[in-house]
Amino acid sequence: MENGTKKEVAIAEKAFLTLEEAAAYFNIGINKIRELTRDDHCPYVLWNGTKRLIKRKAFEDFLNSQYSI
């Protein structure tokens, strides 16, 4: 923090994304991302308590291997 302000990090530089950030980054709706990440043992989700964070690289690799979602 500089002078009490938060430093913004570009989404492309983040390792973990919120659902909103993932929706914007991947151009996929939040509801679809929730559906794809619903499983407790999803390999591209990091649970921080009840907060779901998307592992950007793992999710990107998953999407690149799909024909449709």
PDB file of N, CA and C in Angstrom:
ATOM      1  N   MET A   1       0.830  -1.190   0.000  1.00  0.00           N
ATOM      2  CA  MET A   1       0.000   0.000   0.000  1.00  0.00           C
ATOM      3  C   MET A   1       0.869   1.246   0.000  1.00  0.00           C
ATOM      4  N   GLU A   2       0.471   2.184  -0.781  1.00  0.00           N
ATOM      5  CA  GLU A   2       1.175   3.443  -0.836  1.00  0.00           C
ATOM      6  C   GLU A   2       0.235   4.535  -0.355  1.00  0.00           C
ATOM      7  N   ASN A   3       0.624   5.205   0.715  1.00  0.00           N
ATOM      8  CA  ASN A   3      -0.181   6.295   1.281  1.00  0.00           C
ATOM      9  C   ASN A   3      -1.621   5.889   1.551  1.00  0.00           C
ATOM     10  N   GLY A   4      -1.835   4.668   2.030  1.00  0.00           N
ATOM     11  CA  GLY A   4      -3.172   4.230   2.397  1.00  0.00           C
ATOM     12  C   GLY A   4      -4.067   3.833   1.238  1.00  0.00           C
ATOM     13  N   THR A   5      -3.539   3.743   0.034  1.00  0.00           N
ATOM     14  CA  THR A   5      -4.352   3.341  -1.108  1.00  0.00           C
ATOM     15  C   THR A   5      -3.927   1.951  -1.566  1.00  0.00           C
ATOM     16  N   LYS A   6      -4.889   1.209  -2.074  1.00  0.00           N
ATOM     17  CA  LYS A   6      -4.594  -0.123  -2.594  1.00  0.00           C
ATOM     18  C   LYS A   6      -3.968  -0.020  -3.969  1.00  0.00           C
ATOM     19  N   LYS A   7      -2.978  -0.866  -4.201  1.00  0.00           N
ATOM     20  CA  LYS A   7      -2.368  -0.930  -5.527  1.00  0.00           C
ATOM     21  C   LYS A   7      -3.194  -1.896  -6.367  1.00  0.00           C
ATOM     22  N   GLU A   8      -3.630  -1.467  -7.518  1.00  0.00           N
ATOM     23  CA  GLU A   8      -4.409  -2.301  -8.420  1.00  0.00           C
ATOM     24  C   GLU A   8      -3.481  -3.192  -9.230  1.00  0.00           C
ATOM     25  N   VAL A   9      -3.834  -4.447  -9.346  1.00  0.00           N
ATOM     26  CA  VAL A   9      -3.074  -5.410 -10.138  1.00  0.00           C
ATOM     27  C   VAL A   9      -3.929  -5.785 -11.336  1.00  0.00           C
ATOM     28  N   ALA A  10      -3.328  -5.774 -12.504  1.00  0.00           N
ATOM     29  CA  ALA A  10      -4.049  -6.137 -13.727  1.00  0.00           C
ATOM     30  C   ALA A  10      -4.521  -7.585 -13.639  1.00  0.00           C
ATOM     31  N   ILE A  11      -5.712  -7.850 -14.144  1.00  0.00           N
ATOM     32  CA  ILE A  11      -6.289  -9.197 -14.097  1.00  0.00           C
ATOM     33  C   ILE A  11      -5.348 -10.210 -14.743  1.00  0.00           C
ATOM     34  N   ALA A  12      -4.722  -9.851 -15.833  1.00  0.00           N
ATOM     35  CA  ALA A  12      -3.826 -10.775 -16.541  1.00  0.00           C
ATOM     36  C   ALA A  12      -2.601 -11.143 -15.711  1.00  0.00           C
ATOM     37  N   GLU A  13      -2.277 -10.364 -14.683  1.00  0.00           N
ATOM     38  CA  GLU A  13      -1.126 -10.625 -13.830  1.00  0.00           C
ATOM     39  C   GLU A  13      -1.501 -11.393 -12.559  1.00  0.00           C
ATOM     40  N   LYS A  14      -2.784 -11.578 -12.310  1.00  0.00           N
ATOM     41  CA  LYS A  14      -3.229 -12.256 -11.098  1.00  0.00           C
ATOM     42  C   LYS A  14      -3.229 -13.767 -11.294  1.00  0.00           C
ATOM     43  N   ALA A  15      -2.834 -14.480 -10.255  1.00  0.00           N
ATOM     44  CA  ALA A  15      -2.869 -15.942 -10.291  1.00  0.00           C
ATOM     45  C   ALA A  15      -4.273 -16.452  -9.983  1.00  0.00           C
ATOM     46  N   PHE A  16      -5.007 -15.737  -9.129  1.00  0.00           N
ATOM     47  CA  PHE A  16      -6.348 -16.131  -8.714  1.00  0.00           C
ATOM     48  C   PHE A  16      -7.311 -14.999  -9.000  1.00  0.00           C
ATOM     49  N   LEU A  17      -8.478 -15.354  -9.542  1.00  0.00           N
ATOM     50  CA  LEU A  17      -9.483 -14.360  -9.916  1.00  0.00           C
ATOM     51  C   LEU A  17     -10.770 -14.586  -9.149  1.00  0.00           C
ATOM     52  N   THR A  18     -11.457 -13.505  -8.825  1.00  0.00           N
ATOM     53  CA  THR A  18     -12.810 -13.633  -8.290  1.00  0.00           C
ATOM     54  C   THR A  18     -13.718 -14.060  -9.431  1.00  0.00           C
ATOM     55  N   LEU A  19     -14.938 -14.452  -9.111  1.00  0.00           N
ATOM     56  CA  LEU A  19     -15.880 -14.834 -10.166  1.00  0.00           C
ATOM     57  C   LEU A  19     -16.114 -13.681 -11.136  1.00  0.00           C
ATOM     58  N   GLU A  20     -16.222 -12.474 -10.602  1.00  0.00           N
ATOM     59  CA  GLU A  20     -16.464 -11.307 -11.451  1.00  0.00           C
ATOM     60  C   GLU A  20     -15.283 -11.051 -12.376  1.00  0.00           C
ATOM     61  N   GLU A  21     -14.064 -11.156 -11.832  1.00  0.00           N
ATOM     62  CA  GLU A  21     -12.873 -10.955 -12.654  1.00  0.00           C
ATOM     63  C   GLU A  21     -12.755 -12.043 -13.719  1.00  0.00           C
ATOM     64  N   ALA A  22     -13.026 -13.286 -13.335  1.00  0.00           N
ATOM     65  CA  ALA A  22     -12.961 -14.403 -14.294  1.00  0.00           C
ATOM     66  C   ALA A  22     -13.983 -14.210 -15.404  1.00  0.00           C
ATOM     67  N   ALA A  23     -15.178 -13.766 -15.056  1.00  0.00           N
ATOM     68  CA  ALA A  23     -16.214 -13.530 -16.063  1.00  0.00           C
ATOM     69  C   ALA A  23     -15.755 -12.473 -17.064  1.00  0.00           C
ATOM     70  N   ALA A  24     -15.159 -11.410 -16.569  1.00  0.00           N
ATOM     71  CA  ALA A  24     -14.680 -10.348 -17.451  1.00  0.00           C
ATOM     72  C   ALA A  24     -13.484 -10.819 -18.286  1.00  0.00           C
ATOM     73  N   TYR A  25     -12.552 -11.516 -17.671  1.00  0.00           N
ATOM     74  CA  TYR A  25     -11.330 -11.956 -18.349  1.00  0.00           C
ATOM     75  C   TYR A  25     -11.621 -12.978 -19.442  1.00  0.00           C
ATOM     76  N   PHE A  26     -12.480 -13.963 -19.128  1.00  0.00           N
ATOM     77  CA  PHE A  26     -12.746 -15.041 -20.080  1.00  0.00           C
ATOM     78  C   PHE A  26     -13.987 -14.797 -20.944  1.00  0.00           C
ATOM     79  N   ASN A  27     -14.697 -13.705 -20.683  1.00  0.00           N
ATOM     80  CA  ASN A  27     -15.909 -13.370 -21.419  1.00  0.00           C
ATOM     81  C   ASN A  27     -16.951 -14.492 -21.312  1.00  0.00           C
ATOM     82  N   ILE A  28     -17.122 -14.975 -20.088  1.00  0.00           N
ATOM     83  CA  ILE A  28     -18.095 -16.020 -19.764  1.00  0.00           C
ATOM     84  C   ILE A  28     -18.958 -15.476 -18.633  1.00  0.00           C
ATOM     85  N   GLY A  29     -20.234 -15.787 -18.654  1.00  0.00           N
ATOM     86  CA  GLY A  29     -21.124 -15.313 -17.604  1.00  0.00           C
ATOM     87  C   GLY A  29     -20.782 -15.894 -16.239  1.00  0.00           C
ATOM     88  N   ILE A  30     -21.070 -15.129 -15.195  1.00  0.00           N
ATOM     89  CA  ILE A  30     -20.794 -15.566 -13.826  1.00  0.00           C
ATOM     90  C   ILE A  30     -21.549 -16.850 -13.508  1.00  0.00           C
ATOM     91  N   ASN A  31     -22.786 -16.970 -13.941  1.00  0.00           N
ATOM     92  CA  ASN A  31     -23.553 -18.183 -13.660  1.00  0.00           C
ATOM     93  C   ASN A  31     -22.919 -19.405 -14.307  1.00  0.00           C
ATOM     94  N   LYS A  32     -22.381 -19.267 -15.509  1.00  0.00           N
ATOM     95  CA  LYS A  32     -21.710 -20.385 -16.178  1.00  0.00           C
ATOM     96  C   LYS A  32     -20.430 -20.751 -15.419  1.00  0.00           C
ATOM     97  N   ILE A  33     -19.694 -19.755 -14.954  1.00  0.00           N
ATOM     98  CA  ILE A  33     -18.478 -20.030 -14.185  1.00  0.00           C
ATOM     99  C   ILE A  33     -18.840 -20.724 -12.876  1.00  0.00           C
ATOM    100  N   ARG A  34     -19.904 -20.272 -12.220  1.00  0.00           N
ATOM    101  CA  ARG A  34     -20.356 -20.956 -10.997  1.00  0.00           C
ATOM    102  C   ARG A  34     -20.693 -22.415 -11.289  1.00  0.00           C
ATOM    103  N   GLU A  35     -21.370 -22.656 -12.393  1.00  0.00           N
ATOM    104  CA  GLU A  35     -21.749 -24.021 -12.776  1.00  0.00           C
ATOM    105  C   GLU A  35     -20.506 -24.882 -13.023  1.00  0.00           C
ATOM    106  N   LEU A  36     -19.512 -24.329 -13.718  1.00  0.00           N
ATOM    107  CA  LEU A  36     -18.300 -25.069 -14.045  1.00  0.00           C
ATOM    108  C   LEU A  36     -17.424 -25.328 -12.816  1.00  0.00           C
ATOM    109  N   THR A  37     -17.610 -24.531 -11.768  1.00  0.00           N
ATOM    110  CA  THR A  37     -16.754 -24.624 -10.582  1.00  0.00           C
ATOM    111  C   THR A  37     -17.511 -25.071  -9.344  1.00  0.00           C
ATOM    112  N   ARG A  38     -18.648 -25.666  -9.516  1.00  0.00           N
ATOM    113  CA  ARG A  38     -19.511 -26.039  -8.396  1.00  0.00           C
ATOM    114  C   ARG A  38     -18.921 -27.141  -7.509  1.00  0.00           C
ATOM    115  N   ASP A  39     -18.211 -28.088  -8.093  1.00  0.00           N
ATOM    116  CA  ASP A  39     -17.666 -29.224  -7.351  1.00  0.00           C
ATOM    117  C   ASP A  39     -16.657 -28.764  -6.295  1.00  0.00           C
ATOM    118  N   ASP A  40     -16.746 -29.333  -5.092  1.00  0.00           N
ATOM    119  CA  ASP A  40     -15.824 -28.974  -4.008  1.00  0.00           C
ATOM    120  C   ASP A  40     -14.371 -29.307  -4.341  1.00  0.00           C
ATOM    121  N   HIS A  41     -14.144 -30.268  -5.211  1.00  0.00           N
ATOM    122  CA  HIS A  41     -12.782 -30.687  -5.551  1.00  0.00           C
ATOM    123  C   HIS A  41     -12.392 -30.286  -6.967  1.00  0.00           C
ATOM    124  N   CYS A  42     -12.974 -29.202  -7.440  1.00  0.00           N
ATOM    125  CA  CYS A  42     -12.682 -28.695  -8.781  1.00  0.00           C
ATOM    126  C   CYS A  42     -11.202 -28.313  -8.861  1.00  0.00           C
ATOM    127  N   PRO A  43     -10.481 -28.789  -9.875  1.00  0.00           N
ATOM    128  CA  PRO A  43      -9.032 -28.556  -9.935  1.00  0.00           C
ATOM    129  C   PRO A  43      -8.626 -27.114 -10.232  1.00  0.00           C
ATOM    130  N   TYR A  44      -9.549 -26.276 -10.668  1.00  0.00           N
ATOM    131  CA  TYR A  44      -9.188 -24.888 -10.966  1.00  0.00           C
ATOM    132  C   TYR A  44      -9.881 -23.891 -10.038  1.00  0.00           C
ATOM    133  N   VAL A  45     -10.244 -24.370  -8.830  1.00  0.00           N
ATOM    134  CA  VAL A  45     -10.830 -23.490  -7.821  1.00  0.00           C
ATOM    135  C   VAL A  45     -10.015 -23.572  -6.537  1.00  0.00           C
ATOM    136  N   LEU A  46      -9.787 -22.429  -5.934  1.00  0.00           N
ATOM    137  CA  LEU A  46      -9.193 -22.347  -4.609  1.00  0.00           C
ATOM    138  C   LEU A  46     -10.264 -21.769  -3.705  1.00  0.00           C
ATOM    139  N   TRP A  47     -10.640 -22.525  -2.680  1.00  0.00           N
ATOM    140  CA  TRP A  47     -11.640 -22.048  -1.729  1.00  0.00           C
ATOM    141  C   TRP A  47     -10.936 -21.309  -0.598  1.00  0.00           C
ATOM    142  N   ASN A  48     -11.336 -20.087  -0.357  1.00  0.00           N
ATOM    143  CA  ASN A  48     -10.850 -19.279   0.759  1.00  0.00           C
ATOM    144  C   ASN A  48     -12.041 -19.093   1.679  1.00  0.00           C
ATOM    145  N   GLY A  49     -12.225 -20.050   2.605  1.00  0.00           N
ATOM    146  CA  GLY A  49     -13.456 -20.083   3.394  1.00  0.00           C
ATOM    147  C   GLY A  49     -14.586 -20.465   2.464  1.00  0.00           C
ATOM    148  N   THR A  50     -15.561 -19.588   2.333  1.00  0.00           N
ATOM    149  CA  THR A  50     -16.669 -19.842   1.412  1.00  0.00           C
ATOM    150  C   THR A  50     -16.490 -19.083   0.090  1.00  0.00           C
ATOM    151  N   LYS A  51     -15.405 -18.331  -0.009  1.00  0.00           N
ATOM    152  CA  LYS A  51     -15.145 -17.561  -1.222  1.00  0.00           C
ATOM    153  C   LYS A  51     -14.430 -18.441  -2.249  1.00  0.00           C
ATOM    154  N   ARG A  52     -14.930 -18.435  -3.452  1.00  0.00           N
ATOM    155  CA  ARG A  52     -14.398 -19.236  -4.555  1.00  0.00           C
ATOM    156  C   ARG A  52     -13.487 -18.363  -5.412  1.00  0.00           C
ATOM    157  N   LEU A  53     -12.222 -18.753  -5.521  1.00  0.00           N
ATOM    158  CA  LEU A  53     -11.286 -18.057  -6.394  1.00  0.00           C
ATOM    159  C   LEU A  53     -10.907 -18.984  -7.542  1.00  0.00           C
ATOM    160  N   ILE A  54     -10.812 -18.426  -8.708  1.00  0.00           N
ATOM    161  CA  ILE A  54     -10.511 -19.198  -9.907  1.00  0.00           C
ATOM    162  C   ILE A  54      -9.001 -19.155 -10.157  1.00  0.00           C
ATOM    163  N   LYS A  55      -8.397 -20.335 -10.297  1.00  0.00           N
ATOM    164  CA  LYS A  55      -6.978 -20.417 -10.651  1.00  0.00           C
ATOM    165  C   LYS A  55      -6.890 -20.098 -12.136  1.00  0.00           C
ATOM    166  N   ARG A  56      -6.418 -18.897 -12.440  1.00  0.00           N
ATOM    167  CA  ARG A  56      -6.483 -18.367 -13.804  1.00  0.00           C
ATOM    168  C   ARG A  56      -5.836 -19.298 -14.828  1.00  0.00           C
ATOM    169  N   LYS A  57      -4.619 -19.729 -14.596  1.00  0.00           N
ATOM    170  CA  LYS A  57      -3.909 -20.566 -15.575  1.00  0.00           C
ATOM    171  C   LYS A  57      -4.586 -21.927 -15.734  1.00  0.00           C
ATOM    172  N   ALA A  58      -4.968 -22.561 -14.626  1.00  0.00           N
ATOM    173  CA  ALA A  58      -5.620 -23.877 -14.699  1.00  0.00           C
ATOM    174  C   ALA A  58      -6.966 -23.784 -15.409  1.00  0.00           C
ATOM    175  N   PHE A  59      -7.722 -22.721 -15.137  1.00  0.00           N
ATOM    176  CA  PHE A  59      -9.024 -22.545 -15.788  1.00  0.00           C
ATOM    177  C   PHE A  59      -8.837 -22.258 -17.280  1.00  0.00           C
ATOM    178  N   GLU A  60      -7.824 -21.472 -17.598  1.00  0.00           N
ATOM    179  CA  GLU A  60      -7.527 -21.175 -18.999  1.00  0.00           C
ATOM    180  C   GLU A  60      -7.157 -22.464 -19.742  1.00  0.00           C
ATOM    181  N   ASP A  61      -6.333 -23.315 -19.120  1.00  0.00           N
ATOM    182  CA  ASP A  61      -5.962 -24.592 -19.731  1.00  0.00           C
ATOM    183  C   ASP A  61      -7.193 -25.472 -19.932  1.00  0.00           C
ATOM    184  N   PHE A  62      -8.080 -25.505 -18.931  1.00  0.00           N
ATOM    185  CA  PHE A  62      -9.317 -26.272 -19.047  1.00  0.00           C
ATOM    186  C   PHE A  62     -10.152 -25.777 -20.225  1.00  0.00           C
ATOM    187  N   LEU A  63     -10.340 -24.472 -20.313  1.00  0.00           N
ATOM    188  CA  LEU A  63     -11.151 -23.907 -21.395  1.00  0.00           C
ATOM    189  C   LEU A  63     -10.532 -24.177 -22.762  1.00  0.00           C
ATOM    190  N   ASN A  64      -9.214 -24.103 -22.843  1.00  0.00           N
ATOM    191  CA  ASN A  64      -8.541 -24.362 -24.120  1.00  0.00           C
ATOM    192  C   ASN A  64      -8.707 -25.808 -24.578  1.00  0.00           C
ATOM    193  N   SER A  65      -8.977 -26.710 -23.658  1.00  0.00           N
ATOM    194  CA  SER A  65      -9.148 -28.123 -24.030  1.00  0.00           C
ATOM    195  C   SER A  65     -10.603 -28.476 -24.346  1.00  0.00           C
ATOM    196  N   GLN A  66     -11.519 -27.520 -24.241  1.00  0.00           N
ATOM    197  CA  GLN A  66     -12.943 -27.774 -24.452  1.00  0.00           C
ATOM    198  C   GLN A  66     -13.383 -27.349 -25.854  1.00  0.00           C
ATOM    199  N   TYR A  67     -14.361 -28.076 -26.368  1.00  0.00           N
ATOM    200  CA  TYR A  67     -14.978 -27.719 -27.637  1.00  0.00           C
ATOM    201  C   TYR A  67     -16.093 -26.703 -27.399  1.00  0.00           C
ATOM    202  N   SER A  68     -16.866 -26.930 -26.340  1.00  0.00           N
ATOM    203  CA  SER A  68     -17.936 -26.000 -25.962  1.00  0.00           C
ATOM    204  C   SER A  68     -18.158 -26.119 -24.454  1.00  0.00           C
ATOM    205  N   ILE A  69     -18.799 -25.098 -23.904  1.00  0.00           N
ATOM    206  CA  ILE A  69     -19.113 -25.124 -22.475  1.00  0.00           C
ATOM    207  C   ILE A  69     -20.571 -24.812 -22.258  1.00  0.00           C
TER     208      ILE A  69
END
